[in-house]
Amino acid sequence: MDRPEPADRPVLVLDFGSQFVQLIARRVRERHAFARIVRHDISPERLRELNPLALILSGGPSSVYEPGAPHCDPELFEMGIPVLAICYGMQLACEALGGKVEPSPAREFGRAECKVIDPADPLFHGVPESSIVWMSHGDQVRAPGDLFVPVAATATCPVAAVRHRTLPVYGLQFHPEVAHTPYGALVLGNFLDRVCHSPGSWTMDAFLDRAVEDVGRRVGSTERVVCGLSGGVDSAVCAALLARALGSRVVCVFVDNGLLRSGERAAVAEAFGAHSSAELRVVDAADRFLGALRGVTDPQEKRIRIGHTFIDVFRDEAKSIDGATFLAQGTLYPDVIESGGGVDGPAATIKHHHNVGGLPAELGFKLIEPLRDLFKDEVRRLGLELGLPESLVWRHPFPGPGLAVRCLGEVTAERLEVLRQADAIFLEELVDAGLYRQIGQAFAVLLPVQSVGVMGDGRTYENVIALRSVDTDDFMTADWTRLPHDLLARASTRIINAVKGVNRVVYDVTSKPPGTIEWE
């Protein structure tokens, strides 16, 4: 059965390999228009089926004139659908419609002063005549052709924005989606409101109404749903939404897989039991999961085995639940994108998510994923809309495979306990410093290496703990947190003194991209 769109007409973001493509989608959603990321070579026939409100062509690392560079079907420019082409996308649109793209005489990377040539252009309504934009290009449109009108320029890029004379096609050489372009959100909003006449229907209350209706329609009036509950915000919001739609026909199963954070089992049972009328079952399966992971070091294999074991546990538990034919999971849109799981989305797989890329072929349930169109911050807003407490909604994310993907190398009960203690100390320090809510995600990682140290008068050769903390709104891009040095010093000292078998602590200063938030 086809899943209905969560909004009437989507804005489709064609991905040409930009590191900012997810950010474009987020910025569109912030303007209350639903955005979905699709492959760059999506066919005109498929576009007609999707009936999009608009198309946005992302940037990308290629040059349009190079052999093998990604191109879209030029027919999409003639379909009457409003198009906003960004950076590489603008060069592609101009080339397809008669312009000429060449290497820039002077490359632009970083901030640049942009001057509006045509103040009447709808994209620049309310934008100052001169403002700062973020550039990142080595090529530029040298000759836009007779059909494009230049509407903005910088000192080294005379065609920094264009408008087609007869088609609803607009181009920006700069990146409006990044925070370094202060008026970028206004430019995107002008495109959606003044060019596309967006109805602004993408809101969490509207999504909730649609999702409740969709769940009720799919599940029917007699069948029951088994919902995997991890204690994280995704599964908690998923369970609350299902309870809103189905009431007592939802049975939440919390699996203690032995891969949990310190005190997780008791905290989940207490927090969820106080805020839901759905039945909660706790299954002790630590030995089962650790047995499945014995000897495994490859991160993808870990995720796959954990996914299979989760399904086996759910299947066994469901035998005692009459009418249980559905399995619900808190899969999010970033999970779908990174797993290459979208029907029309980019096919590259960054990693297998245990609840997307790691599911067995013979599931045994009909799968229901009511949050798979949402980014993390949207899930949090939905949780508040559902009445969940802020303490639960604003809890840091915890991966479905748990500490297994933070315990690099082989996963054993002993190594997990080392990691669990170190992680608890780090989070305690963040809470005590009043920084926990300001940070997107923070955790400890146990590395598969040992280092030489000195404790007292003796030589040690023990484990290394890495600390990771990132700032992010959407979890698709992230920057490492500039934590106070005295906090890191306290955390390091406490971990080394309190956690037996650790003699070194390091801090991860990698952003996403190029890294991912989790280490595995």
Protein backbone atom coordinates (compact mmCIF):
# COMPACT_ATOMS: atom_id res chain seq x y z
CA MET A 1 0.00 0.00 0.00
CA ASP A 2 1.43 3.42 -0.95
CA ARG A 3 2.12 5.73 1.93
CA PRO A 4 0.47 9.16 1.51
CA GLU A 5 2.65 12.25 1.46
CA PRO A 6 2.76 14.03 4.83
CA ALA A 7 1.93 17.27 3.00
CA ASP A 8 -0.16 17.97 -0.07
CA ARG A 9 2.62 18.82 -2.53
CA PRO A 10 6.30 18.34 -1.69
CA VAL A 11 9.27 20.51 -2.55
CA LEU A 12 11.74 18.08 -4.12
CA VAL A 13 15.46 18.71 -3.52
CA LEU A 14 17.55 17.11 -6.28
CA ASP A 15 20.83 15.90 -4.80
CA PHE A 16 23.95 16.55 -6.89
CA GLY A 17 26.33 15.57 -4.08
CA SER A 18 26.21 18.70 -1.93
CA GLN A 19 27.29 18.42 1.69
CA PHE A 20 24.43 20.85 2.40
CA VAL A 21 21.59 18.94 0.73
CA GLN A 22 19.96 17.91 4.00
CA LEU A 23 20.29 21.46 5.26
CA ILE A 24 18.37 22.71 2.21
CA ALA A 25 15.51 20.37 3.08
CA ARG A 26 15.56 21.53 6.69
CA ARG A 27 15.45 25.20 5.72
CA VAL A 28 12.48 24.56 3.43
CA ARG A 29 10.63 22.80 6.23
CA GLU A 30 11.33 25.70 8.56
CA ARG A 31 9.24 27.77 6.13
CA HIS A 32 6.35 25.29 6.61
CA ALA A 33 6.75 23.55 3.24
CA PHE A 34 7.46 19.81 3.15
CA ALA A 35 10.77 18.93 1.47
CA ARG A 36 11.95 15.53 0.28
CA ILE A 37 15.44 14.74 -1.06
CA VAL A 38 15.47 12.84 -4.36
CA ARG A 39 18.09 11.57 -6.80
CA HIS A 40 19.41 14.09 -9.33
CA ASP A 41 18.38 12.01 -12.35
CA ILE A 42 14.74 11.55 -11.34
CA SER A 43 12.61 11.20 -14.47
CA PRO A 44 10.04 13.72 -15.70
CA GLU A 45 7.43 10.94 -15.57
CA ARG A 46 8.12 10.40 -11.87
CA LEU A 47 7.99 14.14 -11.25
CA ARG A 48 4.52 14.28 -12.79
CA GLU A 49 3.43 11.49 -10.45
CA LEU A 50 4.78 13.32 -7.40
CA ASN A 51 3.25 16.66 -8.50
CA PRO A 52 5.77 18.79 -6.60
CA LEU A 53 5.22 22.36 -5.51
CA ALA A 54 8.78 23.19 -6.58
CA LEU A 55 12.20 21.78 -7.42
CA ILE A 56 15.45 22.83 -5.77
CA LEU A 57 18.72 21.79 -7.41
CA SER A 58 21.51 21.42 -4.86
CA GLY A 59 25.15 22.31 -5.20
CA GLY A 60 27.80 19.67 -5.77
CA PRO A 61 31.55 19.10 -6.13
CA SER A 62 31.59 18.49 -9.91
CA SER A 63 32.06 20.78 -12.91
CA VAL A 64 29.17 20.68 -15.37
CA TYR A 65 31.51 20.48 -18.37
CA GLU A 66 33.45 17.45 -17.09
CA PRO A 67 32.74 13.97 -18.50
CA GLY A 68 30.58 12.00 -16.13
CA ALA A 69 29.35 15.03 -14.19
CA PRO A 70 25.81 14.51 -12.79
CA HIS A 71 23.03 16.04 -14.87
CA CYS A 72 19.28 16.16 -14.55
CA ASP A 73 16.86 15.62 -17.41
CA PRO A 74 16.65 19.06 -19.14
CA GLU A 75 12.92 18.49 -19.66
CA LEU A 76 12.26 19.33 -16.02
CA PHE A 77 13.02 23.01 -16.74
CA GLU A 78 10.20 23.07 -19.31
CA MET A 79 7.53 21.47 -17.09
CA GLY A 80 6.25 24.70 -15.58
CA ILE A 81 7.39 23.67 -12.07
CA PRO A 82 9.18 26.51 -10.22
CA VAL A 83 12.90 25.77 -9.97
CA LEU A 84 15.49 27.22 -7.60
CA ALA A 85 18.99 26.14 -8.66
CA ILE A 86 21.83 26.59 -6.15
CA CYS A 87 25.57 26.79 -6.96
CA TYR A 88 26.29 23.75 -9.19
CA GLY A 89 22.54 23.56 -9.77
CA MET A 90 22.53 27.12 -11.14
CA GLN A 91 25.41 26.35 -13.48
CA LEU A 92 23.58 23.23 -14.67
CA ALA A 93 20.35 25.13 -15.31
CA CYS A 94 22.09 27.92 -17.19
CA GLU A 95 24.06 25.49 -19.33
CA ALA A 96 20.92 23.50 -20.15
CA LEU A 97 19.08 26.67 -21.20
CA GLY A 98 21.73 28.31 -23.37
CA GLY A 99 24.31 29.71 -20.96
CA LYS A 100 28.04 29.03 -20.73
CA VAL A 101 29.92 27.81 -17.65
CA GLU A 102 33.71 28.14 -17.31
CA PRO A 103 36.36 28.07 -14.57
CA SER A 104 36.26 31.28 -12.55
CA PRO A 105 39.04 33.84 -13.05
CA ALA A 106 38.99 34.15 -9.25
CA ARG A 107 37.54 31.36 -7.15
CA GLU A 108 35.22 32.26 -4.28
CA PHE A 109 35.22 30.27 -1.06
CA GLY A 110 33.72 31.87 2.02
CA ARG A 111 31.96 35.15 2.68
CA ALA A 112 31.45 37.64 -0.13
CA GLU A 113 29.58 40.92 -0.47
CA CYS A 114 26.61 40.48 -2.81
CA LYS A 115 24.86 43.43 -4.45
CA VAL A 116 21.32 43.17 -5.78
CA ILE A 117 21.07 44.37 -9.39
CA ASP A 118 17.27 44.13 -9.66
CA PRO A 119 15.51 45.02 -6.36
CA ALA A 120 12.17 44.06 -7.97
CA ASP A 121 13.23 40.43 -8.32
CA PRO A 122 10.90 38.34 -6.11
CA LEU A 123 13.77 36.38 -4.53
CA PHE A 124 15.32 39.53 -3.11
CA HIS A 125 12.20 41.16 -1.70
CA GLY A 126 13.20 42.72 1.63
CA VAL A 127 16.88 41.85 1.16
CA PRO A 128 19.28 44.82 1.51
CA GLU A 129 20.90 46.10 -1.65
CA SER A 130 24.23 44.86 -0.29
CA SER A 131 24.59 41.84 2.03
CA ILE A 132 26.96 39.01 2.88
CA VAL A 133 26.55 35.61 1.20
CA TRP A 134 28.47 32.34 1.43
CA MET A 135 30.23 31.28 -1.77
CA SER A 136 31.85 27.92 -2.54
CA HIS A 137 32.70 27.57 -6.24
CA GLY A 138 35.56 27.31 -8.69
CA ASP A 139 33.34 27.66 -11.78
CA GLN A 140 30.82 30.32 -12.65
CA VAL A 141 28.29 31.25 -15.31
CA ARG A 142 30.39 33.40 -17.62
CA ALA A 143 27.63 34.01 -20.17
CA PRO A 144 24.05 33.46 -18.94
CA GLY A 145 22.60 33.61 -22.46
CA ASP A 146 19.78 35.73 -23.80
CA LEU A 147 17.06 34.05 -21.73
CA PHE A 148 18.53 34.71 -18.26
CA VAL A 149 18.55 38.07 -16.47
CA PRO A 150 21.36 38.62 -13.91
CA VAL A 151 19.82 39.91 -10.69
CA ALA A 152 22.79 39.93 -8.26
CA ALA A 153 26.59 40.10 -8.41
CA THR A 154 29.74 40.05 -6.29
CA ALA A 155 33.07 41.71 -6.99
CA THR A 156 34.42 38.60 -8.74
CA CYS A 157 31.17 36.94 -9.83
CA PRO A 158 29.08 39.18 -12.11
CA VAL A 159 26.34 36.54 -12.32
CA ALA A 160 25.66 35.65 -8.67
CA ALA A 161 21.91 35.20 -9.22
CA VAL A 162 19.70 34.89 -12.30
CA ARG A 163 16.05 34.80 -13.33
CA HIS A 164 14.78 33.21 -16.55
CA ARG A 165 12.76 35.57 -18.74
CA THR A 166 9.90 33.18 -19.52
CA LEU A 167 10.22 30.12 -17.29
CA PRO A 168 9.87 30.00 -13.45
CA VAL A 169 13.56 29.15 -13.13
CA TYR A 170 15.84 31.01 -10.68
CA GLY A 171 19.50 30.50 -9.90
CA LEU A 172 21.78 31.42 -6.98
CA GLN A 173 25.53 31.01 -7.14
CA PHE A 174 25.72 31.45 -3.36
CA HIS A 175 24.33 29.12 -0.68
CA PRO A 176 21.16 30.51 0.95
CA GLU A 177 20.78 27.46 3.19
CA VAL A 178 23.84 28.07 5.40
CA ALA A 179 23.89 30.34 8.44
CA HIS A 180 26.81 32.28 6.90
CA THR A 181 24.31 33.82 4.45
CA PRO A 182 22.34 36.01 6.91
CA TYR A 183 19.46 36.72 4.51
CA GLY A 184 19.46 33.23 3.00
CA ALA A 185 16.35 32.12 4.88
CA LEU A 186 14.52 35.18 3.55
CA VAL A 187 15.61 34.39 -0.03
CA LEU A 188 14.37 30.80 0.32
CA GLY A 189 11.17 32.05 1.90
CA ASN A 190 10.63 34.49 -0.95
CA PHE A 191 11.00 31.66 -3.46
CA LEU A 192 8.47 29.52 -1.61
CA ASP A 193 5.99 32.28 -0.85
CA ARG A 194 6.26 34.67 -3.80
CA VAL A 195 7.16 32.29 -6.63
CA CYS A 196 5.61 28.98 -5.53
CA HIS A 197 2.73 30.41 -3.45
CA SER A 198 3.33 27.78 -0.79
CA PRO A 199 0.27 27.16 1.42
CA GLY A 200 2.52 26.78 4.50
CA SER A 201 0.77 23.55 5.51
CA TRP A 202 3.81 21.70 6.90
CA THR A 203 3.28 21.99 10.68
CA MET A 204 3.58 19.44 13.46
CA ASP A 205 -0.08 19.64 14.43
CA ALA A 206 -1.07 19.03 10.80
CA PHE A 207 1.44 16.17 10.56
CA LEU A 208 0.08 14.65 13.76
CA ASP A 209 -3.48 14.67 12.43
CA ARG A 210 -2.37 13.01 9.18
CA ALA A 211 -0.18 10.46 10.95
CA VAL A 212 -2.92 9.42 13.40
CA GLU A 213 -5.34 9.00 10.51
CA ASP A 214 -2.77 7.03 8.47
CA VAL A 215 -1.93 4.69 11.37
CA GLY A 216 -5.59 4.03 12.06
CA ARG A 217 -6.26 3.30 8.39
CA ARG A 218 -3.29 0.94 8.03
CA VAL A 219 -3.78 -1.01 11.24
CA GLY A 220 -7.56 -1.25 11.07
CA SER A 221 -9.95 -1.75 13.97
CA THR A 222 -8.84 -5.11 15.42
CA GLU A 223 -5.11 -5.67 14.82
CA ARG A 224 -2.46 -4.76 17.37
CA VAL A 225 0.97 -3.15 17.11
CA VAL A 226 4.19 -4.13 18.84
CA CYS A 227 6.33 -1.03 19.35
CA GLY A 228 10.02 -1.27 20.09
CA LEU A 229 10.83 1.11 22.93
CA SER A 230 14.45 2.06 23.59
CA GLY A 231 13.98 5.00 25.94
CA GLY A 232 15.25 7.49 23.36
CA VAL A 233 13.12 10.32 22.04
CA ASP A 234 12.42 8.64 18.68
CA SER A 235 10.86 5.48 20.05
CA ALA A 236 9.08 7.38 22.83
CA VAL A 237 7.42 9.76 20.37
CA CYS A 238 6.59 6.85 18.07
CA ALA A 239 4.91 5.02 20.97
CA ALA A 240 3.00 8.12 22.05
CA LEU A 241 1.74 8.71 18.52
CA LEU A 242 0.61 5.10 18.21
CA ALA A 243 -1.14 5.30 21.59
CA ARG A 244 -2.95 8.44 20.37
CA ALA A 245 -4.12 6.54 17.27
CA LEU A 246 -4.78 3.07 18.68
CA GLY A 247 -5.01 3.28 22.46
CA SER A 248 -4.64 -0.05 24.26
CA ARG A 249 -3.96 -1.94 21.02
CA VAL A 250 -0.31 -0.82 21.31
CA VAL A 251 2.07 -3.03 23.27
CA CYS A 252 5.48 -1.44 23.91
CA VAL A 253 8.35 -3.86 24.27
CA PHE A 254 11.50 -2.60 25.94
CA VAL A 255 14.40 -4.97 25.28
CA ASP A 256 17.24 -4.94 27.77
CA ASN A 257 19.89 -6.04 25.30
CA GLY A 258 22.85 -5.51 27.58
CA LEU A 259 23.93 -2.59 25.40
CA LEU A 260 22.23 0.14 27.43
CA ARG A 261 23.58 3.17 29.26
CA SER A 262 23.95 3.20 33.03
CA GLY A 263 20.54 3.06 34.77
CA GLU A 264 18.71 2.98 31.44
CA ARG A 265 16.34 0.11 32.18
CA ALA A 266 14.95 1.57 35.40
CA ALA A 267 14.72 5.10 33.98
CA VAL A 268 12.79 4.00 30.90
CA ALA A 269 10.31 1.93 32.87
CA GLU A 270 9.67 4.81 35.27
CA ALA A 271 9.51 7.63 32.70
CA PHE A 272 7.40 5.83 30.10
CA GLY A 273 5.09 4.20 32.60
CA ALA A 274 4.18 7.61 33.96
CA HIS A 275 3.24 9.14 30.61
CA SER A 276 1.46 6.44 28.61
CA SER A 277 -1.51 4.14 29.03
CA ALA A 278 -0.04 1.63 26.57
CA GLU A 279 1.12 -1.70 27.94
CA LEU A 280 4.86 -1.90 28.65
CA ARG A 281 6.74 -5.22 28.64
CA VAL A 282 10.40 -5.49 29.62
CA VAL A 283 12.36 -8.37 28.09
CA ASP A 284 15.76 -9.41 29.47
CA ALA A 285 17.79 -10.46 26.42
CA ALA A 286 21.36 -9.39 27.25
CA ASP A 287 22.85 -12.87 26.89
CA ARG A 288 21.11 -13.34 23.54
CA PHE A 289 22.55 -10.13 22.06
CA LEU A 290 26.05 -10.61 23.44
CA GLY A 291 26.06 -14.12 22.05
CA ALA A 292 25.11 -12.82 18.59
CA LEU A 293 27.94 -10.26 18.76
CA ARG A 294 30.64 -12.61 20.02
CA GLY A 295 33.78 -12.20 17.92
CA VAL A 296 32.24 -9.54 15.63
CA THR A 297 34.27 -6.36 15.01
CA ASP A 298 32.89 -5.02 11.70
CA PRO A 299 30.45 -2.16 12.45
CA GLN A 300 28.05 -3.00 9.63
CA GLU A 301 27.91 -6.62 10.74
CA LYS A 302 27.22 -5.49 14.30
CA ARG A 303 24.22 -3.46 13.15
CA ILE A 304 22.88 -6.27 11.00
CA ARG A 305 23.18 -8.86 13.75
CA ILE A 306 21.58 -6.54 16.29
CA GLY A 307 18.72 -5.84 13.87
CA HIS A 308 18.13 -9.55 13.32
CA THR A 309 18.23 -10.30 17.04
CA PHE A 310 15.81 -7.47 17.80
CA ILE A 311 13.34 -8.91 15.32
CA ASP A 312 13.73 -12.39 16.78
CA VAL A 313 13.04 -11.06 20.28
CA PHE A 314 10.01 -9.10 19.10
CA ARG A 315 8.73 -12.11 17.19
CA ASP A 316 9.04 -14.32 20.28
CA GLU A 317 7.34 -11.74 22.50
CA ALA A 318 4.55 -11.20 19.99
CA LYS A 319 3.51 -14.85 20.27
CA SER A 320 1.79 -13.95 23.53
CA ILE A 321 0.09 -10.86 22.09
CA ASP A 322 -3.16 -11.75 20.34
CA GLY A 323 -3.65 -9.95 17.04
CA ALA A 324 -0.09 -8.53 16.90
CA THR A 325 0.65 -8.24 13.19
CA PHE A 326 2.49 -4.89 13.03
CA LEU A 327 5.92 -3.86 14.26
CA ALA A 328 6.41 -0.13 14.80
CA GLN A 329 9.83 1.53 14.81
CA GLY A 330 11.05 5.08 15.39
CA THR A 331 12.89 5.31 12.06
CA LEU A 332 13.68 8.93 11.09
CA TYR A 333 14.36 10.60 7.74
CA PRO A 334 18.15 10.79 8.34
CA ASP A 335 18.12 7.00 8.90
CA VAL A 336 16.37 6.53 5.55
CA ILE A 337 18.75 8.88 3.70
CA GLU A 338 21.95 7.45 5.19
CA SER A 339 20.80 3.89 4.52
CA GLY A 340 19.88 4.61 0.90
CA GLY A 341 16.34 3.56 1.78
CA GLY A 342 14.29 6.23 0.00
CA VAL A 343 12.28 5.20 -3.05
CA ASP A 344 13.40 8.24 -5.05
CA GLY A 345 16.33 9.24 -2.87
CA PRO A 346 20.09 9.07 -3.44
CA ALA A 347 21.25 5.46 -3.50
CA ALA A 348 24.54 5.81 -1.59
CA THR A 349 24.63 3.94 1.71
CA ILE A 350 26.61 5.69 4.45
CA LYS A 351 25.85 3.05 7.06
CA HIS A 352 23.28 0.38 7.85
CA HIS A 353 20.83 1.51 10.47
CA HIS A 354 19.67 -1.51 12.46
CA ASN A 355 16.05 -0.54 11.80
CA VAL A 356 16.47 0.26 8.08
CA GLY A 357 19.35 -1.55 6.42
CA GLY A 358 19.60 -4.38 8.93
CA LEU A 359 16.12 -5.91 8.89
CA PRO A 360 15.75 -9.56 7.90
CA ALA A 361 14.05 -10.21 4.58
CA GLU A 362 11.38 -12.33 6.28
CA LEU A 363 10.21 -9.84 8.88
CA GLY A 364 7.20 -11.71 10.13
CA PHE A 365 5.42 -8.38 10.77
CA LYS A 366 4.00 -5.63 8.67
CA LEU A 367 6.29 -2.70 9.34
CA ILE A 368 4.95 0.70 10.37
CA GLU A 369 7.26 3.71 10.73
CA PRO A 370 5.19 6.83 11.42
CA LEU A 371 8.22 9.13 11.91
CA ARG A 372 10.24 8.23 8.81
CA ASP A 373 9.55 11.61 7.17
CA LEU A 374 10.85 13.67 10.12
CA PHE A 375 14.18 15.13 11.14
CA LYS A 376 15.21 14.95 14.80
CA ASP A 377 14.15 18.48 15.75
CA GLU A 378 10.75 17.86 14.19
CA VAL A 379 10.39 14.70 16.29
CA ARG A 380 11.07 16.74 19.41
CA ARG A 381 8.38 19.27 18.44
CA LEU A 382 5.99 16.41 17.75
CA GLY A 383 6.76 14.95 21.18
CA LEU A 384 5.79 18.22 22.85
CA GLU A 385 2.65 18.32 20.68
CA LEU A 386 1.79 14.84 22.04
CA GLY A 387 2.26 16.03 25.63
CA LEU A 388 5.47 14.16 26.48
CA PRO A 389 7.59 15.74 29.25
CA GLU A 390 10.52 17.94 28.23
CA SER A 391 12.92 15.73 30.21
CA LEU A 392 12.11 12.89 27.81
CA VAL A 393 11.79 14.95 24.64
CA TRP A 394 15.15 16.69 25.10
CA ARG A 395 17.12 13.62 26.06
CA HIS A 396 20.19 13.11 23.90
CA PRO A 397 19.74 10.56 21.08
CA PHE A 398 20.89 7.02 21.69
CA PRO A 399 21.56 4.72 18.70
CA GLY A 400 19.35 1.68 18.23
CA PRO A 401 22.36 -0.69 18.39
CA GLY A 402 23.22 0.94 21.72
CA LEU A 403 26.72 0.85 23.14
CA ALA A 404 27.71 -1.81 20.60
CA VAL A 405 28.57 0.92 18.07
CA ARG A 406 30.45 2.91 20.71
CA CYS A 407 32.44 -0.12 21.83
CA LEU A 408 34.83 -0.30 18.88
CA GLY A 409 36.16 -3.76 18.21
CA GLU A 410 34.71 -6.83 19.90
CA VAL A 411 31.73 -6.29 22.20
CA THR A 412 32.02 -8.07 25.55
CA ALA A 413 30.29 -7.58 28.90
CA GLU A 414 33.58 -6.43 30.44
CA ARG A 415 34.34 -3.83 27.76
CA LEU A 416 30.73 -2.58 27.87
CA GLU A 417 30.99 -1.98 31.61
CA VAL A 418 34.15 0.12 31.12
CA LEU A 419 32.37 2.18 28.48
CA ARG A 420 29.17 2.46 30.53
CA GLN A 421 30.99 3.92 33.53
CA ALA A 422 33.00 6.40 31.47
CA ASP A 423 29.90 7.55 29.60
CA ALA A 424 27.97 8.13 32.83
CA ILE A 425 30.78 10.29 34.26
CA PHE A 426 30.99 12.43 31.11
CA LEU A 427 27.23 13.05 31.04
CA GLU A 428 27.21 13.88 34.75
CA GLU A 429 29.85 16.56 34.17
CA LEU A 430 27.80 18.09 31.34
CA VAL A 431 24.65 18.15 33.49
CA ASP A 432 26.50 19.66 36.46
CA ALA A 433 27.92 22.39 34.19
CA GLY A 434 24.44 23.22 32.83
CA LEU A 435 25.50 22.34 29.28
CA TYR A 436 23.50 19.18 28.60
CA ARG A 437 20.50 20.92 26.99
CA GLN A 438 22.74 23.14 24.86
CA ILE A 439 24.49 20.16 23.26
CA GLY A 440 22.99 18.06 20.46
CA GLN A 441 24.60 14.77 21.51
CA ALA A 442 27.42 13.68 23.80
CA PHE A 443 28.86 10.29 24.71
CA ALA A 444 31.98 8.23 25.36
CA VAL A 445 33.59 5.74 22.97
CA LEU A 446 35.83 2.82 23.93
CA LEU A 447 38.60 2.51 21.36
CA PRO A 448 40.06 -0.84 20.21
CA VAL A 449 43.57 0.24 21.19
CA GLN A 450 45.59 0.44 24.37
CA SER A 451 48.18 3.00 25.37
CA VAL A 452 51.17 3.18 27.67
CA GLY A 453 50.73 5.19 30.84
CA VAL A 454 52.16 5.75 34.28
CA MET A 455 50.09 5.42 37.46
CA GLY A 456 51.93 5.90 40.68
CA ASP A 457 55.38 4.49 40.04
CA GLY A 458 54.23 1.77 37.69
CA ARG A 459 53.84 1.39 33.94
CA THR A 460 50.33 0.73 32.62
CA TYR A 461 49.08 -0.50 29.28
CA GLU A 462 45.33 0.08 29.31
CA ASN A 463 42.26 1.27 27.39
CA VAL A 464 41.63 4.61 25.69
CA ILE A 465 38.31 6.46 25.99
CA ALA A 466 37.30 9.07 23.40
CA LEU A 467 34.75 11.73 24.36
CA ARG A 468 32.42 13.07 21.67
CA SER A 469 30.13 16.11 21.87
CA VAL A 470 28.46 17.83 18.91
CA ASP A 471 26.28 20.86 18.27
CA THR A 472 23.51 20.29 15.73
CA ASP A 473 19.88 21.09 14.96
CA ASP A 474 19.05 18.34 12.48
CA PHE A 475 21.75 15.65 13.07
CA MET A 476 22.49 15.62 9.34
CA THR A 477 25.32 18.11 9.84
CA ALA A 478 27.11 18.80 13.11
CA ASP A 479 30.09 20.64 14.55
CA TRP A 480 32.16 19.50 17.52
CA THR A 481 31.36 21.31 20.76
CA ARG A 482 33.94 23.73 22.11
CA LEU A 483 33.64 22.44 25.68
CA PRO A 484 35.44 24.31 28.47
CA HIS A 485 38.89 22.90 29.06
CA ASP A 486 38.34 22.65 32.81
CA LEU A 487 35.24 20.48 32.20
CA LEU A 488 37.21 18.15 29.95
CA ALA A 489 39.98 18.02 32.53
CA ARG A 490 37.54 17.07 35.30
CA ALA A 491 35.88 14.41 33.15
CA SER A 492 39.23 12.95 32.13
CA THR A 493 40.54 12.84 35.69
CA ARG A 494 37.36 11.26 37.03
CA ILE A 495 37.25 8.62 34.29
CA ILE A 496 40.90 7.61 34.74
CA ASN A 497 40.60 7.49 38.53
CA ALA A 498 37.20 5.76 38.73
CA VAL A 499 37.07 3.41 35.73
CA LYS A 500 39.40 0.48 36.15
CA GLY A 501 41.33 -0.33 32.97
CA VAL A 502 41.44 3.21 31.46
CA ASN A 503 44.63 5.28 31.42
CA ARG A 504 43.97 7.80 28.63
CA VAL A 505 41.09 10.07 27.53
CA VAL A 506 40.97 11.95 24.20
CA TYR A 507 38.44 14.42 22.75
CA ASP A 508 37.01 14.12 19.21
CA VAL A 509 37.22 17.41 17.23
CA THR A 510 35.68 16.16 13.95
CA SER A 511 32.61 17.77 12.38
CA LYS A 512 29.92 16.04 10.28
CA PRO A 513 30.80 15.92 7.44
CA PRO A 514 33.45 14.59 7.00
CA GLY A 515 32.84 12.30 9.97
CA THR A 516 29.56 10.91 11.25
CA ILE A 517 28.32 11.65 14.76
CA GLU A 518 28.72 8.05 15.90
CA TRP A 519 32.08 6.37 15.40
CA GLU A 520 30.50 3.25 13.88
